[in-house]
Amino acid sequence: MARLGRFIRARSISEAWARGLNVIWRQGEEITDQRGTRIKELLSLQVVVESPYEEMIHPDYPWTRERLEEYALQLQTGENPGFEYTYGERLRAWAIPSGERVDQLDGVVRRLLGSPSSRRACAVTWIPPIDSNREEVPCMIVDDFKIRGGSLHLSAFFRSHDFAGAYPANLYGLSRLLQAVSDEVGAKPGSISTTSASAHIYDHDWDWVEEMIFGRRG
């Protein structure tokens, strides 16, 4: 039977990552994915980070701040340096058949400036005519922005989430994106919530994740 439906409310990105790894490791189901890779998987994991600008980088995460900033910049710009796709390209510069480029984040800002209580400030990365026929498709599918109580809150949906390797980078990038949109609409940056349809840990990360959780050393 699939393991599904857990909720974590954390203060910081670092706390959310550590607690998410713990719950996936202890309660996730071991399966073999479509590539033949073993994973520990928990379905429908929701994580709320209340203060994403505190303890943004966990000491056990290998990415440097410089690399995280480069990733965050890719999330905010429509430029593609040569990848099959980038989130920024999908969010800021998707070309429609007429040749026009759609900037969804500009649309988000316009909706929020027009109505701060809007429930329509939403951007998507999944392009059905393209992604329905591709093997490599976006993991993050939806970014939704809402202003409540003077703060802008961001909710993101991931169809697939490499929690050990990608979650801290994803959240760092989303925090910078939230800050940028907040500046545009004149709101304080608030919380970031993620819903991960498949939150998982790949087998090549099991050793160090187990060591991180239990403090075991070989």
C-alpha atoms as a PDB file:
ATOM      1  CA  MET A   1       0.000   0.000   0.000  1.00  0.00           C
ATOM      2  CA  ALA A   2       1.339   3.433  -0.944  1.00  0.00           C
ATOM      3  CA  ARG A   3       2.535   5.702   1.857  1.00  0.00           C
ATOM      4  CA  LEU A   4       0.870   9.082   1.441  1.00  0.00           C
ATOM      5  CA  GLY A   5      -0.308  12.261   3.071  1.00  0.00           C
ATOM      6  CA  ARG A   6       2.060  13.955   5.524  1.00  0.00           C
ATOM      7  CA  PHE A   7       2.240  17.593   6.627  1.00  0.00           C
ATOM      8  CA  ILE A   8       5.220  19.552   7.968  1.00  0.00           C
ATOM      9  CA  ARG A   9       5.178  23.135   9.244  1.00  0.00           C
ATOM     10  CA  ALA A  10       8.717  24.442   9.659  1.00  0.00           C
ATOM     11  CA  ARG A  11      10.308  27.768  10.481  1.00  0.00           C
ATOM     12  CA  SER A  12      13.155  27.667   7.946  1.00  0.00           C
ATOM     13  CA  ILE A  13      14.241  25.931   4.751  1.00  0.00           C
ATOM     14  CA  SER A  14      16.917  24.065   6.696  1.00  0.00           C
ATOM     15  CA  GLU A  15      14.442  22.766   9.257  1.00  0.00           C
ATOM     16  CA  ALA A  16      11.952  21.793   6.549  1.00  0.00           C
ATOM     17  CA  TRP A  17      14.604  19.853   4.617  1.00  0.00           C
ATOM     18  CA  ALA A  18      15.844  17.934   7.662  1.00  0.00           C
ATOM     19  CA  ARG A  19      12.333  17.052   8.824  1.00  0.00           C
ATOM     20  CA  GLY A  20      11.218  16.134   5.302  1.00  0.00           C
ATOM     21  CA  LEU A  21      14.153  13.769   4.829  1.00  0.00           C
ATOM     22  CA  ASN A  22      13.388  12.212   8.195  1.00  0.00           C
ATOM     23  CA  VAL A  23       9.736  11.497   7.423  1.00  0.00           C
ATOM     24  CA  ILE A  24      10.491  10.164   3.934  1.00  0.00           C
ATOM     25  CA  TRP A  25      13.270   7.941   5.267  1.00  0.00           C
ATOM     26  CA  ARG A  26      11.225   6.527   8.139  1.00  0.00           C
ATOM     27  CA  GLN A  27       7.801   6.331   6.510  1.00  0.00           C
ATOM     28  CA  GLY A  28       8.464   6.183   2.760  1.00  0.00           C
ATOM     29  CA  GLU A  29       7.999   3.095   0.640  1.00  0.00           C
ATOM     30  CA  GLU A  30      10.926   1.596  -1.274  1.00  0.00           C
ATOM     31  CA  ILE A  31      10.073   1.227  -4.968  1.00  0.00           C
ATOM     32  CA  THR A  32      11.870   1.017  -8.304  1.00  0.00           C
ATOM     33  CA  ASP A  33      11.049   3.925 -10.592  1.00  0.00           C
ATOM     34  CA  GLN A  34      10.616   4.066 -14.377  1.00  0.00           C
ATOM     35  CA  ARG A  35      14.392   4.378 -14.867  1.00  0.00           C
ATOM     36  CA  GLY A  36      15.097   1.297 -12.793  1.00  0.00           C
ATOM     37  CA  THR A  37      16.383   3.358  -9.851  1.00  0.00           C
ATOM     38  CA  ARG A  38      15.465   2.487  -6.290  1.00  0.00           C
ATOM     39  CA  ILE A  39      13.890   5.274  -4.264  1.00  0.00           C
ATOM     40  CA  LYS A  40      12.238   5.790  -0.907  1.00  0.00           C
ATOM     41  CA  GLU A  41       8.984   7.559  -1.733  1.00  0.00           C
ATOM     42  CA  LEU A  42       6.238   9.341   0.156  1.00  0.00           C
ATOM     43  CA  LEU A  43       3.211  10.531  -1.784  1.00  0.00           C
ATOM     44  CA  SER A  44       1.496  13.882  -1.196  1.00  0.00           C
ATOM     45  CA  LEU A  45       3.977  15.507   1.173  1.00  0.00           C
ATOM     46  CA  GLN A  46       3.056  19.095   2.050  1.00  0.00           C
ATOM     47  CA  VAL A  47       5.646  21.374   3.639  1.00  0.00           C
ATOM     48  CA  VAL A  48       5.073  24.943   4.817  1.00  0.00           C
ATOM     49  CA  VAL A  49       8.136  27.123   5.444  1.00  0.00           C
ATOM     50  CA  GLU A  50       7.020  30.090   7.506  1.00  0.00           C
ATOM     51  CA  SER A  51      10.278  32.126   7.427  1.00  0.00           C
ATOM     52  CA  PRO A  52      12.146  31.153   4.247  1.00  0.00           C
ATOM     53  CA  TYR A  53      14.843  33.819   4.724  1.00  0.00           C
ATOM     54  CA  GLU A  54      16.109  32.347   7.993  1.00  0.00           C
ATOM     55  CA  GLU A  55      18.654  29.503   7.860  1.00  0.00           C
ATOM     56  CA  MET A  56      18.358  29.281   4.096  1.00  0.00           C
ATOM     57  CA  ILE A  57      21.323  26.923   3.578  1.00  0.00           C
ATOM     58  CA  HIS A  58      21.628  23.763   5.675  1.00  0.00           C
ATOM     59  CA  PRO A  59      25.269  23.011   6.637  1.00  0.00           C
ATOM     60  CA  ASP A  60      24.981  19.489   5.187  1.00  0.00           C
ATOM     61  CA  TYR A  61      23.784  20.670   1.771  1.00  0.00           C
ATOM     62  CA  PRO A  62      26.719  20.634  -0.686  1.00  0.00           C
ATOM     63  CA  TRP A  63      25.744  23.578  -2.906  1.00  0.00           C
ATOM     64  CA  THR A  64      27.543  26.863  -2.278  1.00  0.00           C
ATOM     65  CA  ARG A  65      25.657  30.136  -1.986  1.00  0.00           C
ATOM     66  CA  GLU A  66      27.146  31.178  -5.336  1.00  0.00           C
ATOM     67  CA  ARG A  67      25.718  28.098  -7.057  1.00  0.00           C
ATOM     68  CA  LEU A  68      22.367  28.611  -5.354  1.00  0.00           C
ATOM     69  CA  GLU A  69      22.268  32.220  -6.540  1.00  0.00           C
ATOM     70  CA  GLU A  70      22.975  31.068 -10.116  1.00  0.00           C
ATOM     71  CA  TYR A  71      20.075  28.623  -9.862  1.00  0.00           C
ATOM     72  CA  ALA A  72      17.823  31.326  -8.409  1.00  0.00           C
ATOM     73  CA  LEU A  73      18.681  33.650 -11.295  1.00  0.00           C
ATOM     74  CA  GLN A  74      17.705  30.961 -13.825  1.00  0.00           C
ATOM     75  CA  LEU A  75      14.331  30.724 -12.095  1.00  0.00           C
ATOM     76  CA  GLN A  76      13.712  34.455 -12.477  1.00  0.00           C
ATOM     77  CA  THR A  77      14.878  35.059 -16.055  1.00  0.00           C
ATOM     78  CA  GLY A  78      13.683  33.784 -19.411  1.00  0.00           C
ATOM     79  CA  GLU A  79      17.179  33.064 -20.696  1.00  0.00           C
ATOM     80  CA  ASN A  80      18.125  29.449 -21.399  1.00  0.00           C
ATOM     81  CA  PRO A  81      21.899  28.830 -21.432  1.00  0.00           C
ATOM     82  CA  GLY A  82      21.488  25.565 -23.350  1.00  0.00           C
ATOM     83  CA  PHE A  83      19.308  23.258 -21.256  1.00  0.00           C
ATOM     84  CA  GLU A  84      16.343  21.352 -22.665  1.00  0.00           C
ATOM     85  CA  TYR A  85      14.239  23.749 -20.613  1.00  0.00           C
ATOM     86  CA  THR A  86      14.531  25.987 -17.558  1.00  0.00           C
ATOM     87  CA  TYR A  87      11.802  26.983 -15.148  1.00  0.00           C
ATOM     88  CA  GLY A  88      12.575  30.626 -15.885  1.00  0.00           C
ATOM     89  CA  GLU A  89      12.076  30.094 -19.598  1.00  0.00           C
ATOM     90  CA  ARG A  90       8.706  28.469 -18.979  1.00  0.00           C
ATOM     91  CA  LEU A  91       7.647  31.184 -16.524  1.00  0.00           C
ATOM     92  CA  ARG A  92       8.974  34.248 -18.327  1.00  0.00           C
ATOM     93  CA  ALA A  93       9.535  33.619 -22.029  1.00  0.00           C
ATOM     94  CA  TRP A  94       7.409  30.840 -23.432  1.00  0.00           C
ATOM     95  CA  ALA A  95       6.951  31.291 -27.200  1.00  0.00           C
ATOM     96  CA  ILE A  96       3.421  30.729 -28.488  1.00  0.00           C
ATOM     97  CA  PRO A  97       2.736  29.893 -32.179  1.00  0.00           C
ATOM     98  CA  SER A  98       2.297  33.578 -33.103  1.00  0.00           C
ATOM     99  CA  GLY A  99       5.883  34.189 -32.017  1.00  0.00           C
ATOM    100  CA  GLU A 100       4.905  36.249 -29.007  1.00  0.00           C
ATOM    101  CA  ARG A 101       6.632  35.399 -25.745  1.00  0.00           C
ATOM    102  CA  VAL A 102       4.434  34.986 -22.690  1.00  0.00           C
ATOM    103  CA  ASP A 103       5.774  36.343 -19.395  1.00  0.00           C
ATOM    104  CA  GLN A 104       3.609  34.637 -16.793  1.00  0.00           C
ATOM    105  CA  LEU A 105       5.314  36.359 -13.870  1.00  0.00           C
ATOM    106  CA  ASP A 106       4.495  39.734 -15.396  1.00  0.00           C
ATOM    107  CA  GLY A 107       0.898  38.510 -15.537  1.00  0.00           C
ATOM    108  CA  VAL A 108       1.073  37.505 -11.874  1.00  0.00           C
ATOM    109  CA  VAL A 109       2.259  40.995 -10.935  1.00  0.00           C
ATOM    110  CA  ARG A 110      -0.450  42.679 -13.020  1.00  0.00           C
ATOM    111  CA  ARG A 111      -3.190  40.587 -11.440  1.00  0.00           C
ATOM    112  CA  LEU A 112      -1.991  41.316  -7.911  1.00  0.00           C
ATOM    113  CA  LEU A 113      -1.598  45.021  -8.574  1.00  0.00           C
ATOM    114  CA  GLY A 114      -5.091  45.057 -10.055  1.00  0.00           C
ATOM    115  CA  SER A 115      -6.587  43.127  -7.134  1.00  0.00           C
ATOM    116  CA  PRO A 116      -4.445  42.274  -4.098  1.00  0.00           C
ATOM    117  CA  SER A 117      -6.979  39.640  -3.019  1.00  0.00           C
ATOM    118  CA  SER A 118      -6.837  37.862  -6.401  1.00  0.00           C
ATOM    119  CA  ARG A 119      -6.877  34.069  -6.507  1.00  0.00           C
ATOM    120  CA  ARG A 120      -5.753  34.107 -10.143  1.00  0.00           C
ATOM    121  CA  ALA A 121      -2.061  34.995  -9.771  1.00  0.00           C
ATOM    122  CA  CYS A 122      -0.792  31.649 -10.984  1.00  0.00           C
ATOM    123  CA  ALA A 123       1.979  30.482 -13.351  1.00  0.00           C
ATOM    124  CA  VAL A 124       2.494  27.014 -14.862  1.00  0.00           C
ATOM    125  CA  THR A 125       5.506  25.285 -16.380  1.00  0.00           C
ATOM    126  CA  TRP A 126       3.804  22.295 -18.025  1.00  0.00           C
ATOM    127  CA  ILE A 127       3.136  22.964 -21.724  1.00  0.00           C
ATOM    128  CA  PRO A 128       0.806  20.168 -22.929  1.00  0.00           C
ATOM    129  CA  PRO A 129       1.727  20.224 -26.669  1.00  0.00           C
ATOM    130  CA  ILE A 130       5.403  19.859 -25.731  1.00  0.00           C
ATOM    131  CA  ASP A 131       5.549  17.920 -22.485  1.00  0.00           C
ATOM    132  CA  SER A 132       2.970  15.304 -23.395  1.00  0.00           C
ATOM    133  CA  ASN A 133       5.510  13.897 -25.865  1.00  0.00           C
ATOM    134  CA  ARG A 134       8.781  14.415 -23.941  1.00  0.00           C
ATOM    135  CA  GLU A 135      10.647  12.173 -21.545  1.00  0.00           C
ATOM    136  CA  GLU A 136      12.312  15.050 -19.679  1.00  0.00           C
ATOM    137  CA  VAL A 137       9.543  17.236 -18.284  1.00  0.00           C
ATOM    138  CA  PRO A 138       9.340  19.834 -15.505  1.00  0.00           C
ATOM    139  CA  CYS A 139       9.163  18.636 -11.915  1.00  0.00           C
ATOM    140  CA  MET A 140       7.741  21.897 -10.599  1.00  0.00           C
ATOM    141  CA  ILE A 141       4.402  22.400 -12.333  1.00  0.00           C
ATOM    142  CA  VAL A 142       2.606  25.323 -10.652  1.00  0.00           C
ATOM    143  CA  ASP A 143       3.580  28.494  -8.769  1.00  0.00           C
ATOM    144  CA  ASP A 144       0.666  30.281  -7.111  1.00  0.00           C
ATOM    145  CA  PHE A 145       0.906  33.692  -5.402  1.00  0.00           C
ATOM    146  CA  LYS A 146      -1.554  35.173  -2.911  1.00  0.00           C
ATOM    147  CA  ILE A 147      -1.457  38.372  -0.864  1.00  0.00           C
ATOM    148  CA  ARG A 148      -3.041  37.997   2.542  1.00  0.00           C
ATOM    149  CA  GLY A 149      -2.532  40.274   5.538  1.00  0.00           C
ATOM    150  CA  GLY A 150      -0.011  42.394   3.635  1.00  0.00           C
ATOM    151  CA  SER A 151       2.268  39.433   2.907  1.00  0.00           C
ATOM    152  CA  LEU A 152       2.745  37.570  -0.360  1.00  0.00           C
ATOM    153  CA  HIS A 153       2.644  33.791   0.027  1.00  0.00           C
ATOM    154  CA  LEU A 154       3.867  31.315  -2.579  1.00  0.00           C
ATOM    155  CA  SER A 155       2.515  27.788  -3.065  1.00  0.00           C
ATOM    156  CA  ALA A 156       4.238  25.406  -5.482  1.00  0.00           C
ATOM    157  CA  PHE A 157       3.195  21.989  -6.761  1.00  0.00           C
ATOM    158  CA  PHE A 158       5.838  19.406  -7.723  1.00  0.00           C
ATOM    159  CA  ARG A 159       4.814  16.275  -9.602  1.00  0.00           C
ATOM    160  CA  SER A 160       8.181  14.737  -8.650  1.00  0.00           C
ATOM    161  CA  HIS A 161      10.550  16.005  -5.965  1.00  0.00           C
ATOM    162  CA  ASP A 162      14.104  14.839  -5.333  1.00  0.00           C
ATOM    163  CA  PHE A 163      14.021  15.805  -1.695  1.00  0.00           C
ATOM    164  CA  ALA A 164      17.638  15.022  -0.848  1.00  0.00           C
ATOM    165  CA  GLY A 165      19.308  16.621  -3.850  1.00  0.00           C
ATOM    166  CA  ALA A 166      16.913  19.311  -5.066  1.00  0.00           C
ATOM    167  CA  TYR A 167      14.602  20.549  -2.289  1.00  0.00           C
ATOM    168  CA  PRO A 168      17.040  23.066  -0.719  1.00  0.00           C
ATOM    169  CA  ALA A 169      17.948  24.519  -4.124  1.00  0.00           C
ATOM    170  CA  ASN A 170      14.296  24.645  -5.170  1.00  0.00           C
ATOM    171  CA  LEU A 171      13.332  26.510  -2.007  1.00  0.00           C
ATOM    172  CA  TYR A 172      16.286  28.870  -2.223  1.00  0.00           C
ATOM    173  CA  GLY A 173      15.306  29.727  -5.789  1.00  0.00           C
ATOM    174  CA  LEU A 174      11.633  30.110  -4.880  1.00  0.00           C
ATOM    175  CA  SER A 175      12.540  32.407  -1.982  1.00  0.00           C
ATOM    176  CA  ARG A 176      14.367  34.722  -4.397  1.00  0.00           C
ATOM    177  CA  LEU A 177      11.424  34.542  -6.799  1.00  0.00           C
ATOM    178  CA  LEU A 178       9.021  35.380  -3.972  1.00  0.00           C
ATOM    179  CA  GLN A 179      11.178  38.339  -2.974  1.00  0.00           C
ATOM    180  CA  ALA A 180      11.245  39.658  -6.553  1.00  0.00           C
ATOM    181  CA  VAL A 181       7.472  39.431  -6.995  1.00  0.00           C
ATOM    182  CA  SER A 182       6.908  40.924  -3.524  1.00  0.00           C
ATOM    183  CA  ASP A 183       9.023  43.932  -4.462  1.00  0.00           C
ATOM    184  CA  GLU A 184       6.956  44.424  -7.624  1.00  0.00           C
ATOM    185  CA  VAL A 185       3.600  44.341  -5.845  1.00  0.00           C
ATOM    186  CA  GLY A 186       4.608  46.172  -2.668  1.00  0.00           C
ATOM    187  CA  ALA A 187       4.018  43.323  -0.241  1.00  0.00           C
ATOM    188  CA  LYS A 188       6.196  41.628   2.335  1.00  0.00           C
ATOM    189  CA  PRO A 189       7.496  38.195   1.313  1.00  0.00           C
ATOM    190  CA  GLY A 190       5.673  35.589   3.356  1.00  0.00           C
ATOM    191  CA  SER A 191       5.653  31.799   3.477  1.00  0.00           C
ATOM    192  CA  ILE A 192       6.492  29.178   0.869  1.00  0.00           C
ATOM    193  CA  SER A 193       4.423  25.991   0.725  1.00  0.00           C
ATOM    194  CA  THR A 194       5.225  22.975  -1.417  1.00  0.00           C
ATOM    195  CA  THR A 195       3.073  20.005  -2.246  1.00  0.00           C
ATOM    196  CA  SER A 196       5.105  17.098  -3.603  1.00  0.00           C
ATOM    197  CA  ALA A 197       3.062  14.416  -5.341  1.00  0.00           C
ATOM    198  CA  SER A 198       6.120  12.159  -5.102  1.00  0.00           C
ATOM    199  CA  ALA A 199       8.665  13.216  -2.481  1.00  0.00           C
ATOM    200  CA  HIS A 200      11.563  10.801  -2.726  1.00  0.00           C
ATOM    201  CA  ILE A 201      15.186   9.994  -1.909  1.00  0.00           C
ATOM    202  CA  TYR A 202      17.290   8.260  -4.569  1.00  0.00           C
ATOM    203  CA  ASP A 203      19.325   5.216  -3.564  1.00  0.00           C
ATOM    204  CA  HIS A 204      22.616   6.969  -4.332  1.00  0.00           C
ATOM    205  CA  ASP A 205      21.804   9.379  -1.464  1.00  0.00           C
ATOM    206  CA  TRP A 206      20.717   6.780   1.093  1.00  0.00           C
ATOM    207  CA  ASP A 207      24.058   6.460   2.891  1.00  0.00           C
ATOM    208  CA  TRP A 208      24.586  10.133   3.639  1.00  0.00           C
ATOM    209  CA  VAL A 209      20.898  10.725   4.393  1.00  0.00           C
ATOM    210  CA  GLU A 210      20.963   7.886   6.937  1.00  0.00           C
ATOM    211  CA  GLU A 211      24.133   9.340   8.443  1.00  0.00           C
ATOM    212  CA  MET A 212      22.559  12.783   8.595  1.00  0.00           C
ATOM    213  CA  ILE A 213      19.425  11.477  10.320  1.00  0.00           C
ATOM    214  CA  PHE A 214      21.035   9.034  12.735  1.00  0.00           C
ATOM    215  CA  GLY A 215      24.571  10.425  13.002  1.00  0.00           C
ATOM    216  CA  ARG A 216      26.105   7.123  11.934  1.00  0.00           C
ATOM    217  CA  ARG A 217      29.603   7.050  10.579  1.00  0.00           C
ATOM    218  CA  GLY A 218      31.300   4.153   8.894  1.00  0.00           C
END
